[in-house]
N, C-alpha and C. Protein backbone atom coordinates (compact mmCIF):
# COMPACT_ATOMS: atom_id res chain seq x y z
N MET A 1 -48.53 -0.10 26.59
CA MET A 1 -48.55 1.09 27.06
C MET A 1 -48.91 1.56 26.28
N THR A 2 -49.30 3.26 26.44
CA THR A 2 -50.29 4.02 25.40
C THR A 2 -48.92 4.77 24.90
N LYS A 3 -49.50 5.60 23.96
CA LYS A 3 -48.83 6.33 23.02
C LYS A 3 -48.23 7.45 24.49
N ARG A 4 -49.16 8.04 25.24
CA ARG A 4 -48.62 8.60 26.13
C ARG A 4 -48.04 8.60 27.23
N GLU A 5 -47.86 7.27 27.74
CA GLU A 5 -47.09 7.32 28.62
C GLU A 5 -46.08 6.79 27.63
N MET A 6 -46.01 6.17 26.49
CA MET A 6 -44.45 6.12 26.01
C MET A 6 -43.42 7.17 25.80
N MET A 7 -44.49 8.67 25.85
CA MET A 7 -43.75 9.77 25.09
C MET A 7 -43.43 10.44 27.16
N ASP A 8 -43.86 9.98 27.53
CA ASP A 8 -43.63 10.73 28.79
C ASP A 8 -42.48 9.01 29.35
N VAL A 9 -42.09 8.67 29.33
CA VAL A 9 -40.62 7.81 29.14
C VAL A 9 -39.87 8.24 28.44
N ILE A 10 -39.89 9.01 27.37
CA ILE A 10 -39.09 9.44 26.44
C ILE A 10 -38.55 11.11 26.84
N GLU A 11 -39.85 11.95 27.20
CA GLU A 11 -39.53 13.10 28.06
C GLU A 11 -38.21 13.09 29.01
N GLU A 12 -39.11 12.09 30.26
CA GLU A 12 -38.49 11.84 31.54
C GLU A 12 -36.92 11.19 30.64
N ARG A 13 -36.50 10.99 29.94
CA ARG A 13 -35.04 10.26 29.14
C ARG A 13 -34.13 11.84 29.15
N ILE A 14 -35.25 13.01 27.98
CA ILE A 14 -34.46 14.12 27.70
C ILE A 14 -34.09 14.89 29.02
N ARG A 15 -35.18 14.61 29.83
CA ARG A 15 -34.70 15.90 31.08
C ARG A 15 -34.04 15.98 31.69
N LYS A 16 -33.40 13.71 31.59
CA LYS A 16 -31.94 13.78 32.40
C LYS A 16 -30.74 13.47 31.45
N CYS A 17 -31.08 13.97 30.20
CA CYS A 17 -30.12 13.82 28.95
C CYS A 17 -28.70 14.50 29.71
N GLU A 18 -27.77 14.02 29.32
CA GLU A 18 -26.10 15.15 29.44
C GLU A 18 -25.13 14.88 28.30
N ALA A 19 -26.32 14.54 26.77
CA ALA A 19 -24.99 13.66 25.85
C ALA A 19 -24.34 14.52 25.55
N CYS A 20 -24.77 15.63 25.34
CA CYS A 20 -23.91 17.07 24.79
C CYS A 20 -23.74 18.13 25.68
N PRO A 21 -23.01 19.01 25.72
CA PRO A 21 -22.95 20.61 25.60
C PRO A 21 -24.00 21.23 26.21
N LEU A 22 -25.02 21.20 24.97
CA LEU A 22 -26.38 22.01 25.48
C LEU A 22 -27.39 22.43 26.82
N HIS A 23 -27.27 20.59 27.46
CA HIS A 23 -27.48 20.54 28.96
C HIS A 23 -26.82 21.71 29.50
N LEU A 24 -25.53 22.09 29.43
CA LEU A 24 -25.09 22.87 30.63
C LEU A 24 -25.94 24.18 31.00
N SER A 25 -26.56 25.22 29.73
CA SER A 25 -27.05 26.21 29.75
C SER A 25 -28.19 26.39 29.88
N ARG A 26 -29.02 25.45 29.00
CA ARG A 26 -31.13 25.28 29.42
C ARG A 26 -31.25 25.64 30.60
N THR A 27 -32.43 26.28 30.62
CA THR A 27 -33.33 26.29 31.50
C THR A 27 -34.22 25.53 31.60
N ASN A 28 -34.65 24.96 30.86
CA ASN A 28 -36.12 23.61 30.42
C ASN A 28 -35.29 22.87 29.01
N VAL A 29 -35.59 21.41 29.22
CA VAL A 29 -35.47 20.82 27.89
C VAL A 29 -37.10 21.47 26.97
N VAL A 30 -36.94 21.16 26.46
CA VAL A 30 -38.22 21.64 24.67
C VAL A 30 -39.07 20.00 23.78
N VAL A 31 -39.06 19.32 24.32
CA VAL A 31 -39.35 18.22 23.99
C VAL A 31 -40.30 17.86 23.30
N GLY A 32 -41.41 18.76 23.26
CA GLY A 32 -42.18 18.91 22.19
C GLY A 32 -44.23 18.27 22.07
N GLU A 33 -45.09 18.97 21.41
CA GLU A 33 -46.34 19.40 21.99
C GLU A 33 -47.19 18.85 20.86
N GLY A 34 -48.68 18.94 20.75
CA GLY A 34 -49.57 18.73 19.75
C GLY A 34 -49.79 17.13 20.52
N SER A 35 -50.64 16.96 19.45
CA SER A 35 -51.06 15.48 19.25
C SER A 35 -50.74 13.92 18.79
N LEU A 36 -51.09 13.35 20.04
CA LEU A 36 -49.98 12.31 19.69
C LEU A 36 -50.51 11.25 18.85
N ASP A 37 -51.67 11.37 17.92
CA ASP A 37 -52.53 10.86 17.05
C ASP A 37 -51.73 11.18 15.23
N SER A 38 -51.23 12.39 15.48
CA SER A 38 -51.65 13.04 14.17
C SER A 38 -50.74 12.91 12.98
N ILE A 39 -51.50 12.84 11.80
CA ILE A 39 -50.11 12.35 10.63
C ILE A 39 -49.33 13.50 9.87
N LEU A 40 -49.22 14.30 10.60
CA LEU A 40 -48.42 15.94 10.52
C LEU A 40 -47.30 16.11 11.46
N PHE A 41 -46.72 16.26 11.43
CA PHE A 41 -45.13 15.82 12.21
C PHE A 41 -44.06 17.13 11.56
N PHE A 42 -44.13 18.46 12.74
CA PHE A 42 -43.15 19.21 12.08
C PHE A 42 -41.88 18.98 13.09
N ILE A 43 -40.65 19.75 12.70
CA ILE A 43 -39.70 19.40 12.88
C ILE A 43 -39.27 20.88 12.61
N GLY A 44 -38.38 21.51 13.67
CA GLY A 44 -37.54 22.46 13.84
C GLY A 44 -36.34 22.41 13.81
N GLU A 45 -35.43 23.51 14.46
CA GLU A 45 -34.07 23.05 14.66
C GLU A 45 -33.43 23.35 16.01
N GLY A 46 -33.99 23.79 16.36
CA GLY A 46 -33.79 23.90 18.38
C GLY A 46 -34.26 24.70 19.04
N PRO A 47 -34.93 25.09 20.42
CA PRO A 47 -34.95 25.77 20.85
C PRO A 47 -34.52 27.29 21.25
N GLY A 48 -35.18 28.51 21.17
CA GLY A 48 -35.22 29.27 21.40
C GLY A 48 -35.32 29.84 22.61
N GLU A 49 -35.18 31.74 22.46
CA GLU A 49 -35.11 31.84 23.83
C GLU A 49 -36.18 31.96 24.90
N GLU A 50 -37.40 31.80 24.06
CA GLU A 50 -39.25 31.91 24.79
C GLU A 50 -39.28 30.68 24.55
N GLU A 51 -38.90 29.62 23.92
CA GLU A 51 -39.00 27.93 24.21
C GLU A 51 -38.22 27.59 25.60
N ASP A 52 -37.14 27.61 25.62
CA ASP A 52 -35.85 27.84 26.82
C ASP A 52 -36.89 27.83 27.74
N LYS A 53 -37.34 29.34 27.89
CA LYS A 53 -37.96 29.83 29.25
C LYS A 53 -39.57 28.66 29.48
N THR A 54 -39.91 28.88 28.51
CA THR A 54 -41.54 28.13 28.16
C THR A 54 -41.46 26.60 28.74
N GLY A 55 -40.23 25.59 27.91
CA GLY A 55 -40.52 24.19 27.87
C GLY A 55 -41.39 23.85 26.64
N ARG A 56 -41.51 24.97 25.46
CA ARG A 56 -42.71 24.51 24.41
C ARG A 56 -42.29 24.88 23.74
N PRO A 57 -42.28 24.28 22.78
CA PRO A 57 -42.05 24.73 21.27
C PRO A 57 -42.40 25.62 20.36
N PHE A 58 -41.70 26.70 19.01
CA PHE A 58 -42.55 27.19 18.30
C PHE A 58 -43.11 28.01 19.73
N VAL A 59 -42.73 29.25 20.31
CA VAL A 59 -43.77 29.64 20.97
C VAL A 59 -43.75 31.13 20.72
N GLY A 60 -41.73 31.58 20.53
CA GLY A 60 -41.52 33.19 20.34
C GLY A 60 -42.16 33.58 18.93
N LYS A 61 -41.38 34.34 18.14
CA LYS A 61 -42.23 34.99 16.95
C LYS A 61 -41.92 34.06 16.04
N ALA A 62 -41.06 33.24 15.46
CA ALA A 62 -41.25 32.65 14.47
C ALA A 62 -42.53 31.59 14.98
N GLY A 63 -42.36 30.64 16.24
CA GLY A 63 -43.42 30.03 16.26
C GLY A 63 -44.87 30.44 16.05
N GLN A 64 -45.06 31.83 16.25
CA GLN A 64 -46.35 32.54 16.50
C GLN A 64 -46.58 32.56 14.90
N LEU A 65 -45.47 32.98 14.16
CA LEU A 65 -45.40 32.47 12.50
C LEU A 65 -46.08 31.70 11.93
N LEU A 66 -45.77 30.35 12.36
CA LEU A 66 -45.69 28.68 12.38
C LEU A 66 -47.31 28.82 12.27
N THR A 67 -48.06 29.10 13.68
CA THR A 67 -49.34 29.04 13.79
C THR A 67 -49.78 30.16 13.08
N LYS A 68 -49.66 31.09 12.69
CA LYS A 68 -50.38 32.05 11.38
C LYS A 68 -50.49 31.54 10.46
N ILE A 69 -49.37 30.44 9.90
CA ILE A 69 -49.38 30.09 8.75
C ILE A 69 -49.90 28.62 8.84
N LEU A 70 -50.20 27.89 9.33
CA LEU A 70 -50.99 26.66 9.50
C LEU A 70 -52.31 27.15 9.87
N GLU A 71 -53.22 27.69 10.66
CA GLU A 71 -54.09 28.54 10.35
C GLU A 71 -54.81 29.44 9.02
N SER A 72 -53.65 29.20 8.46
CA SER A 72 -54.49 30.46 7.29
C SER A 72 -54.66 29.48 6.01
N VAL A 73 -54.66 27.34 6.25
CA VAL A 73 -55.59 26.40 5.67
C VAL A 73 -55.66 25.92 6.52
N ASN A 74 -56.72 26.35 7.86
CA ASN A 74 -57.00 25.73 8.69
C ASN A 74 -56.77 24.39 9.37
N ILE A 75 -55.82 25.35 9.73
CA ILE A 75 -54.73 23.56 10.32
C ILE A 75 -54.30 24.28 12.18
N SER A 76 -54.62 23.85 12.59
CA SER A 76 -54.34 24.41 14.37
C SER A 76 -53.65 24.13 14.96
N ARG A 77 -53.43 24.06 15.56
CA ARG A 77 -51.76 23.72 16.11
C ARG A 77 -52.02 22.53 16.87
N GLU A 78 -53.25 21.96 17.49
CA GLU A 78 -53.13 21.40 18.73
C GLU A 78 -53.43 19.37 17.94
N GLU A 79 -54.00 19.74 16.26
CA GLU A 79 -53.63 18.61 15.76
C GLU A 79 -53.27 18.41 15.13
N VAL A 80 -51.93 18.16 15.18
CA VAL A 80 -50.40 18.34 14.69
C VAL A 80 -49.17 18.12 15.42
N TYR A 81 -48.54 17.27 15.67
CA TYR A 81 -47.54 17.80 16.81
C TYR A 81 -46.12 18.01 16.18
N ILE A 82 -45.61 19.14 17.27
CA ILE A 82 -44.24 20.20 16.69
C ILE A 82 -42.87 19.73 17.67
N THR A 83 -42.17 19.59 17.25
CA THR A 83 -40.48 19.69 17.79
C THR A 83 -39.57 19.75 17.11
N ASN A 84 -38.30 19.47 17.79
CA ASN A 84 -37.00 20.08 16.96
C ASN A 84 -35.95 18.71 17.05
N ILE A 85 -35.30 19.36 16.40
CA ILE A 85 -33.35 18.18 16.13
C ILE A 85 -32.93 17.78 17.64
N VAL A 86 -33.24 19.48 18.06
CA VAL A 86 -31.89 19.24 19.61
C VAL A 86 -33.70 19.39 20.51
N LYS A 87 -33.52 19.54 22.02
CA LYS A 87 -34.32 19.58 22.32
C LYS A 87 -33.87 20.96 23.90
N CYS A 88 -32.39 20.91 23.56
CA CYS A 88 -31.82 21.97 24.54
C CYS A 88 -31.52 22.89 23.05
N ARG A 89 -31.65 24.74 24.27
CA ARG A 89 -31.66 25.70 23.00
C ARG A 89 -30.21 25.99 23.17
N PRO A 90 -29.64 25.90 21.69
CA PRO A 90 -28.24 26.37 21.39
C PRO A 90 -28.01 27.55 21.99
N PRO A 91 -26.58 28.25 22.42
CA PRO A 91 -26.76 29.26 22.87
C PRO A 91 -26.81 30.86 21.95
N LYS A 92 -27.11 31.67 21.65
CA LYS A 92 -27.66 32.71 20.88
C LYS A 92 -28.43 31.86 19.93
N ASN A 93 -29.29 30.98 20.35
CA ASN A 93 -30.40 30.74 18.68
C ASN A 93 -29.23 29.95 17.80
N ARG A 94 -28.07 29.69 17.76
CA ARG A 94 -27.15 29.28 16.58
C ARG A 94 -27.89 27.91 16.14
N THR A 95 -27.28 27.56 15.32
CA THR A 95 -27.35 26.00 14.35
C THR A 95 -27.18 25.40 15.18
N PRO A 96 -27.58 24.49 15.58
CA PRO A 96 -27.31 23.02 16.46
C PRO A 96 -25.88 22.22 15.86
N THR A 97 -25.03 22.10 16.14
CA THR A 97 -23.80 21.40 15.66
C THR A 97 -24.43 20.15 14.94
N LYS A 98 -23.72 19.19 14.10
CA LYS A 98 -23.99 18.08 14.01
C LYS A 98 -23.38 17.02 15.10
N ASN A 99 -22.74 17.54 15.72
CA ASN A 99 -22.81 16.51 17.16
C ASN A 99 -23.81 15.98 17.85
N GLU A 100 -23.97 17.91 18.42
CA GLU A 100 -25.06 18.14 18.83
C GLU A 100 -27.16 17.39 18.85
N ALA A 101 -26.83 17.42 17.26
CA ALA A 101 -27.99 16.96 16.35
C ALA A 101 -28.45 15.25 16.29
N GLN A 102 -26.89 14.79 15.92
CA GLN A 102 -26.79 13.16 15.80
C GLN A 102 -27.00 12.97 18.14
N ALA A 103 -26.54 13.54 18.77
CA ALA A 103 -26.89 13.51 20.16
C ALA A 103 -28.23 13.25 20.40
N CYS A 104 -29.39 13.63 20.20
CA CYS A 104 -30.31 13.92 20.78
C CYS A 104 -31.58 13.49 19.46
N PHE A 105 -30.60 12.52 18.54
CA PHE A 105 -31.08 12.20 16.88
C PHE A 105 -31.63 11.33 17.09
N HIS A 106 -32.00 9.95 18.46
CA HIS A 106 -32.84 9.35 18.99
C HIS A 106 -33.70 9.42 19.30
N PHE A 107 -33.64 10.26 20.23
CA PHE A 107 -35.03 10.91 21.13
C PHE A 107 -35.66 11.52 19.82
N LEU A 108 -35.66 12.25 18.75
CA LEU A 108 -36.78 12.53 17.43
C LEU A 108 -37.02 10.94 16.83
N LEU A 109 -36.03 9.70 16.43
CA LEU A 109 -36.66 8.86 15.94
C LEU A 109 -37.69 8.20 16.96
N ALA A 110 -37.36 8.06 18.05
CA ALA A 110 -38.34 7.40 18.73
C ALA A 110 -40.23 8.46 19.21
N GLN A 111 -39.88 9.78 19.26
CA GLN A 111 -41.62 10.39 18.97
C GLN A 111 -41.86 9.66 17.32
N ILE A 112 -41.22 10.41 16.32
CA ILE A 112 -41.33 9.53 15.25
C ILE A 112 -41.97 8.42 15.54
N GLU A 113 -41.49 7.66 16.11
CA GLU A 113 -42.08 6.02 15.76
C GLU A 113 -43.10 6.15 16.98
N ILE A 114 -43.53 6.56 17.48
CA ILE A 114 -44.81 6.57 19.10
C ILE A 114 -45.99 7.42 18.13
N ILE A 115 -45.45 8.60 17.32
CA ILE A 115 -46.77 9.57 16.75
C ILE A 115 -47.02 8.16 15.67
N ASN A 116 -46.00 8.17 14.98
CA ASN A 116 -46.43 7.37 13.46
C ASN A 116 -47.29 8.01 12.60
N PRO A 117 -46.30 9.27 12.23
CA PRO A 117 -47.59 10.35 11.69
C PRO A 117 -47.66 9.62 9.30
N LYS A 118 -47.91 10.65 9.32
CA LYS A 118 -48.04 10.69 7.66
C LYS A 118 -46.57 10.64 6.54
N ILE A 119 -47.07 12.24 7.03
CA ILE A 119 -45.99 13.09 6.48
C ILE A 119 -45.11 13.72 7.37
N ILE A 120 -43.78 14.46 7.58
CA ILE A 120 -42.48 15.09 8.51
C ILE A 120 -42.61 16.31 7.66
N VAL A 121 -42.82 17.26 8.07
CA VAL A 121 -42.51 18.25 8.06
C VAL A 121 -41.95 19.14 8.33
N THR A 122 -40.56 19.70 7.50
CA THR A 122 -38.88 19.63 7.81
C THR A 122 -39.10 21.20 8.06
N LEU A 123 -38.68 21.70 9.07
CA LEU A 123 -38.82 23.25 8.56
C LEU A 123 -37.24 24.04 8.71
N GLY A 124 -36.63 24.43 7.76
CA GLY A 124 -35.41 24.53 7.31
C GLY A 124 -34.64 23.48 6.42
N GLY A 125 -33.49 23.95 6.84
CA GLY A 125 -32.08 22.86 5.73
C GLY A 125 -31.86 21.95 7.27
N PRO A 126 -31.39 22.35 8.22
CA PRO A 126 -31.10 21.25 9.28
C PRO A 126 -31.89 20.31 9.64
N ALA A 127 -33.27 20.37 9.69
CA ALA A 127 -34.03 19.08 9.98
C ALA A 127 -33.81 18.03 8.61
N LEU A 128 -34.25 19.27 8.13
CA LEU A 128 -34.00 18.11 6.49
C LEU A 128 -32.96 17.22 6.39
N ASN A 129 -31.65 18.58 6.85
CA ASN A 129 -30.52 17.27 6.48
C ASN A 129 -29.89 16.71 7.53
N THR A 130 -30.74 17.07 8.84
CA THR A 130 -30.48 16.02 9.90
C THR A 130 -31.31 14.44 9.71
N LEU A 131 -32.59 14.56 9.42
CA LEU A 131 -33.37 13.08 8.63
C LEU A 131 -32.69 12.76 7.84
N LEU A 132 -31.90 13.34 6.39
CA LEU A 132 -31.87 12.46 5.85
C LEU A 132 -30.15 12.18 5.26
N ASN A 133 -29.50 12.67 6.67
CA ASN A 133 -28.01 12.90 6.68
C ASN A 133 -27.76 13.08 5.31
N SER A 134 -28.15 14.75 5.26
CA SER A 134 -27.77 14.82 3.79
C SER A 134 -27.35 16.59 3.62
N ASN A 135 -26.96 16.85 2.41
CA ASN A 135 -26.43 18.70 2.91
C ASN A 135 -27.41 19.56 1.49
N TYR A 136 -28.69 18.96 1.30
CA TYR A 136 -29.31 20.16 0.26
C TYR A 136 -28.79 20.96 0.76
N SER A 137 -30.00 21.80 -0.55
CA SER A 137 -30.34 23.10 0.03
C SER A 137 -31.85 23.30 0.06
N ILE A 138 -32.71 23.95 1.68
CA ILE A 138 -33.82 23.73 1.62
C ILE A 138 -34.51 24.74 0.41
N THR A 139 -33.99 25.57 -0.01
CA THR A 139 -34.28 26.36 -1.45
C THR A 139 -34.28 25.54 -2.76
N LYS A 140 -34.07 24.71 -2.71
CA LYS A 140 -33.98 23.40 -4.43
C LYS A 140 -34.86 22.53 -3.50
N MET A 141 -35.14 22.36 -2.88
CA MET A 141 -36.03 20.91 -1.47
C MET A 141 -36.93 21.15 -1.36
N ARG A 142 -37.58 22.42 -0.64
CA ARG A 142 -38.21 22.76 -0.66
C ARG A 142 -39.78 22.81 -0.74
N GLY A 143 -40.87 22.18 -0.75
CA GLY A 143 -42.47 21.70 -1.77
C GLY A 143 -42.24 20.34 -1.86
N GLN A 144 -41.34 20.37 -2.09
CA GLN A 144 -41.13 17.95 -3.13
C GLN A 144 -41.29 17.42 -1.26
N LEU A 145 -41.95 16.49 -2.09
CA LEU A 145 -42.20 15.44 -1.55
C LEU A 145 -41.19 14.10 -1.47
N ILE A 146 -40.56 13.54 -0.58
CA ILE A 146 -39.25 12.96 -0.39
C ILE A 146 -40.24 11.71 -0.13
N GLU A 147 -40.21 10.76 0.11
CA GLU A 147 -39.84 8.85 0.06
C GLU A 147 -39.03 8.87 1.23
N TRP A 148 -39.39 9.07 2.45
CA TRP A 148 -38.14 8.33 3.57
C TRP A 148 -38.63 7.06 4.19
N LYS A 149 -39.12 7.08 4.91
CA LYS A 149 -39.19 5.18 6.04
C LYS A 149 -40.77 4.64 5.21
N ALA A 150 -40.89 3.45 5.72
CA ALA A 150 -42.22 3.25 4.72
C ALA A 150 -43.53 3.62 5.30
N GLY A 151 -43.72 4.07 4.58
CA GLY A 151 -44.36 5.21 4.67
C GLY A 151 -45.43 6.09 5.19
N ILE A 152 -44.08 6.91 5.30
CA ILE A 152 -43.71 8.30 5.68
C ILE A 152 -42.97 8.97 5.29
N LYS A 153 -43.41 10.17 4.38
CA LYS A 153 -43.11 11.19 3.64
C LYS A 153 -42.50 12.89 4.27
N ILE A 154 -41.82 13.27 3.84
CA ILE A 154 -40.82 14.10 4.11
C ILE A 154 -41.24 15.14 3.15
N PHE A 155 -41.99 16.66 3.64
CA PHE A 155 -41.51 17.85 2.94
C PHE A 155 -41.22 19.04 3.85
N PRO A 156 -40.18 19.43 3.04
CA PRO A 156 -39.27 20.32 3.42
C PRO A 156 -40.20 21.53 2.95
N MET A 157 -40.22 22.88 3.91
CA MET A 157 -40.72 23.98 4.45
C MET A 157 -39.55 24.98 4.59
N PHE A 158 -39.30 26.15 4.45
CA PHE A 158 -38.59 27.05 4.67
C PHE A 158 -39.14 27.25 6.33
N HIS A 159 -38.10 27.73 7.05
CA HIS A 159 -37.85 27.93 8.60
C HIS A 159 -38.96 29.04 8.78
N PRO A 160 -39.98 29.68 9.72
CA PRO A 160 -40.25 30.58 9.98
C PRO A 160 -39.54 31.75 10.46
N SER A 161 -38.07 31.27 10.48
CA SER A 161 -37.13 32.67 11.29
C SER A 161 -36.83 33.15 10.05
N PHE A 162 -36.49 32.21 9.14
CA PHE A 162 -35.72 32.40 8.42
C PHE A 162 -37.27 33.49 7.02
N LEU A 163 -38.37 33.67 7.38
CA LEU A 163 -39.07 33.87 6.49
C LEU A 163 -39.64 35.68 7.28
N LEU A 164 -39.39 35.33 8.77
CA LEU A 164 -39.33 36.91 9.14
C LEU A 164 -38.12 37.98 8.52
N ARG A 165 -37.26 37.60 8.31
CA ARG A 165 -35.80 37.80 8.13
C ARG A 165 -36.06 38.08 6.29
N ASN A 166 -37.10 38.08 5.85
CA ASN A 166 -37.79 37.97 3.74
C ASN A 166 -39.31 38.33 4.13
N GLN A 167 -39.36 39.39 3.74
CA GLN A 167 -40.56 39.53 4.29
C GLN A 167 -41.05 40.38 2.87
N SER A 168 -40.82 40.08 2.38
CA SER A 168 -41.05 40.19 0.75
C SER A 168 -42.44 39.11 0.24
N LYS A 169 -43.45 39.96 -0.34
CA LYS A 169 -44.27 38.42 -0.57
C LYS A 169 -44.99 39.16 -1.83
N ALA A 170 -44.10 38.88 -2.39
CA ALA A 170 -43.79 39.41 -4.44
C ALA A 170 -43.52 37.32 -4.61
N PRO A 171 -43.94 37.66 -5.76
CA PRO A 171 -44.18 35.76 -6.97
C PRO A 171 -42.22 35.61 -6.71
N GLY A 172 -42.22 34.40 -5.96
CA GLY A 172 -41.21 34.04 -5.80
C GLY A 172 -40.42 34.05 -4.68
N SER A 173 -40.74 34.83 -4.49
CA SER A 173 -40.11 35.48 -2.28
C SER A 173 -40.61 34.31 -1.72
N PRO A 174 -39.91 34.02 -0.54
CA PRO A 174 -40.01 32.54 0.16
C PRO A 174 -41.10 32.27 0.69
N LYS A 175 -41.85 34.20 1.48
CA LYS A 175 -43.85 34.01 1.79
C LYS A 175 -44.04 33.14 0.66
N TYR A 176 -44.03 34.18 -0.77
CA TYR A 176 -44.84 33.58 -1.93
C TYR A 176 -44.59 32.09 -1.74
N LEU A 177 -43.73 31.16 -1.66
CA LEU A 177 -43.52 30.33 -1.60
C LEU A 177 -44.25 29.30 -0.91
N THR A 178 -43.58 29.50 0.59
CA THR A 178 -44.65 29.20 1.57
C THR A 178 -45.47 29.05 2.05
N TRP A 179 -46.84 29.93 1.53
CA TRP A 179 -48.05 29.74 1.03
C TRP A 179 -48.13 29.03 -0.46
N GLU A 180 -47.38 29.01 -1.12
CA GLU A 180 -47.92 27.49 -1.94
C GLU A 180 -47.59 26.14 -1.63
N ASP A 181 -46.47 26.37 -0.72
CA ASP A 181 -46.11 25.01 0.01
C ASP A 181 -47.22 24.54 1.16
N VAL A 182 -47.63 25.53 1.72
CA VAL A 182 -48.74 25.21 2.78
C VAL A 182 -49.95 24.55 1.86
N LYS A 183 -50.58 25.43 1.14
CA LYS A 183 -51.67 24.95 0.25
C LYS A 183 -51.34 23.53 -0.71
N LYS A 184 -50.48 23.18 -0.11
CA LYS A 184 -49.79 21.82 -1.22
C LYS A 184 -49.81 20.88 0.28
N LEU A 185 -49.67 21.31 0.85
CA LEU A 185 -49.62 20.33 2.59
C LEU A 185 -50.90 20.20 3.09
N ARG A 186 -51.94 21.54 2.93
CA ARG A 186 -53.21 21.40 3.45
C ARG A 186 -53.80 20.38 1.96
N GLU A 187 -53.72 20.10 0.99
CA GLU A 187 -54.15 19.05 -0.29
C GLU A 187 -53.81 17.56 0.67
N MET A 188 -52.66 17.36 0.79
CA MET A 188 -52.03 16.19 1.19
C MET A 188 -53.16 15.88 2.29
N TYR A 189 -52.84 16.63 3.02
CA TYR A 189 -53.52 16.29 4.74
C TYR A 189 -54.67 15.58 4.52
N ASP A 190 -55.49 16.50 3.24
CA ASP A 190 -57.04 16.86 3.45
C ASP A 190 -57.18 14.80 2.49
N LYS A 191 -56.57 14.73 1.90
CA LYS A 191 -56.44 13.16 0.90
C LYS A 191 -55.80 12.18 2.13
N LEU A 192 -54.68 12.60 3.13
CA LEU A 192 -54.45 11.62 3.79
C LEU A 192 -55.35 11.35 4.94
N LYS A 193 -56.34 12.21 5.27
CA LYS A 193 -57.35 12.21 6.29
C LYS A 193 -58.96 11.06 6.13
N GLY A 194 -58.88 11.51 4.15
CA GLY A 194 -59.56 10.90 4.00
C GLY A 194 -59.86 8.91 3.62
N GLU A 195 -58.54 8.42 3.64
CA GLU A 195 -57.49 7.14 3.81
C GLU A 195 -57.39 6.45 5.03
N VAL A 196 -57.30 7.49 6.20
CA VAL A 196 -57.21 7.02 7.59
C VAL A 196 -58.79 6.13 8.34
C-alpha cells in the first residue's frame, strides 16, 4: 500500500468514529493535510469553528498565523503535514479532555507512522502533554528538542491562538520567543533535508 492509500484508510475510520462524544456535534472531521513525505509534522489541539466547517486543519485566524510563521522562514504549508490531537471540534473551542484525546490518539499514532517525520512540532501544551503523557508547562518546554521514539524528536512551540491573545513583540514575549523557535526549526529542517 502507498502512503496515500494507508492515509485514506485512516481517514475513512476517522469519519466513522464514535469513540467519544465529540462526534455528536461535528460538521466535518478534520483529519489533517500536507505532504505525506514531510520530515516536519505539526500537531495542534483540535479543530475550531472554521476547521469544522471546511474539514481542513488550521484555516481560521490561528491557522493563518501559523502559515505566516512558517512563511517567515520560507517553509510552505504544502511541504509539512498538519493535524490535531482530536479530529472533531470540541464545543466552544475548549481544550480536548484527556478522555477525548485518548479516544483519538491511535489515529494520530497511525498518521505519524505513515508519514514517519523526523521532527514533530507540538503547538501548545495539550499536544505536547498528550504525546508525552505528561503535564509540562509549554512556557518551560518550548524551543527544546526532546527525544521521543526511534529517529523522531519533539519540538514544542506556542500555539498560534496563544500568540493572538499575546500581541507584544518585546524580547521575552511569546511572539518574540516563537520567532526564535521558528528560526531554530528552519536550521534543523535544513540540516535534516541535507541528510535525506
